Amino acid sequence: MKWFALLLLASCNDNTVAISPVVDVPANDNASAFPLDTLVLSVAHAGDAADLVSQTFKTGQHVSLPGVPFADDLVIHMTGSVGSSEVAYGRTCAIAVTAAGPTPSPHLFFSRSVKFADLDLPTPPEARQDGHAITDIDGAGLIFGGTDPSSSAAIADVERFDPQTGTLTTLATVSPRKNAVAASLGVGGDTRIALIGGTDPSINNAGATFVELIEPDAPESRRIERIDDAQMARTGLTATALTDGRVIVIGGMEGNTPSPAVDEVSIDSGTASIRVLRALLTSPRSAHTATRLGNDVGAAVLVAGGLDETGAAVKTAELFKPLSEEFSTTTYAMNIPRSNHRAVLMPDGSVLIIGGIGIDPMTGMVGAIRTLELFTLDEGFKKLTPDLPANAGLIDFAATPLPDGRVLLTGGRICDGCTALDTAFIARLDPIDGSVDVVATDHMSVPRAGHSATLLCDGTVLITGGTDTVVPASRYNPPALGRR
């Protein structure tokens, strides 16, 4: 929805280009940015804290901004205030503005900060249970996998929400399968999304013996590439993208047995290949997490939790070293072994372990875990206090890193079979003492569990699925901090 016309004039010598961003607003009134007293419109280079041009407008004034320079990495920012309080924010993804190129009309999503905004799309996203989402190289959200809640059939459609156009489209159709995982494969223009593992309904839900690669910008006829490899027929495995473009696939169930296997998926000169590595997990496992410890080349991958061959949670965590393609001889013990949890890399290189299923330390029974743990290379796993709030999801929730380094926790359930929650929380690491506080934020408009959430290129979080019926997609609008 376009609220008003913005006019930005980019000029260099005798050339002038008029840029008309489209301002999208929420469909639900409680997330609307309006009414406002003042509006600040500015343009900056992506990632730069300094504005190139900026101007403040009062209610009722014509909004235009001359003097925008030509550049290939510009971001348009809008900030709305009531009195002296900044209450609303939005920004575009990075755009190119040149005298010779096409005139961009980027979309800018503008809403109240720290609110969940429903999207008024012509066609809402498909209802999915246990679907996934990942951000592609252009900063759009790809939604894939999961099952139709009305039939339990695997969903084959891959949907793509593009924040630069504000549109949701069906990008491609892949082979139907359940519980596949995804990772970004390759670097630069050769980047694709790899779908790996899961169960194949066409062979009685045995492990899928193929990997599919999605190239979103390719022509439709060659958007999906399939690689057959029986070694990848595993469920409950992980796929972790490395900084050099490789994807490391670890563990999972091979038939009825957890696998110790580690595989590499890579692209060389446009050709993808799968290679079995010599490294083996000391503790074979499934339903674990595998988290890359930073962006340095060769950063280790922390493999934590999961289930062993007896169905018990694995206590020992292991470190995979990509450069030597082996596991470290140093292992670490979790305070509360768990499976089906979430692990999120924090700004200081530590890993926050959230939720999951394990032995409840209070009851001694198997159940959902409320205790948080923080992993560091120096200290291993440290139990944190306090626990997650009583109304926070412990399973089937989503954990999404935000641009300012905090983590958005949405929905989920407090126990297996419990009703879905509409609650959301923000987890923040104190870099001084290593503590983590968890505070409530806005409620979602509908309860969700087994949903997907992914960070888009404009710094908002797209949330879809996790309901029994078709409902609108929503976007969480974090504060402006970290979104330059």
Foldseek 3Di string as FASTA:
>chain_A
DADDWEWEWEDDVPFIDTETAGEAEFPDPVFAPDDFAKKKKFKDFFPDPDTPFIDMDGPPDHHYHYHHYFDAGMKIKMWTHHPPDTFKIWMFFGGGGDRPDDHAHFYIYMTGALAKGFAPAPDFDAFFFLWAWEADPLQKIKIAWGAQLVPRWIAFWIWIQANRVRHIDGQAGHQGFHQWEWDWAADDQLIWIKTFWGFHVVVVRWIQQKIWTANRPDPHVPRIDIDGHNVRRFHQWDWDAALRRKIKIAWGDHDLFIFQWIKIWHADPNDIDIGTFPAGHPFRFGQWDWAFQDRDHFGWIKTAWGAHSVRAIDQKIWIQGVVVRYIDPDIAGEPWHFGQWDWDQFPVRKIKTAWGWTQEPVPRHIWIYQWIWIADPVPGIDTAPDTHDPQFARHQWDWEQFLQRKIKIAWHARTVPHDIFQWIWIWDADVPPRHIDIGTTYGHPDGFGSWYWYAGSRRWIWIDHRDNGRDGIIIRRHDCPNRD
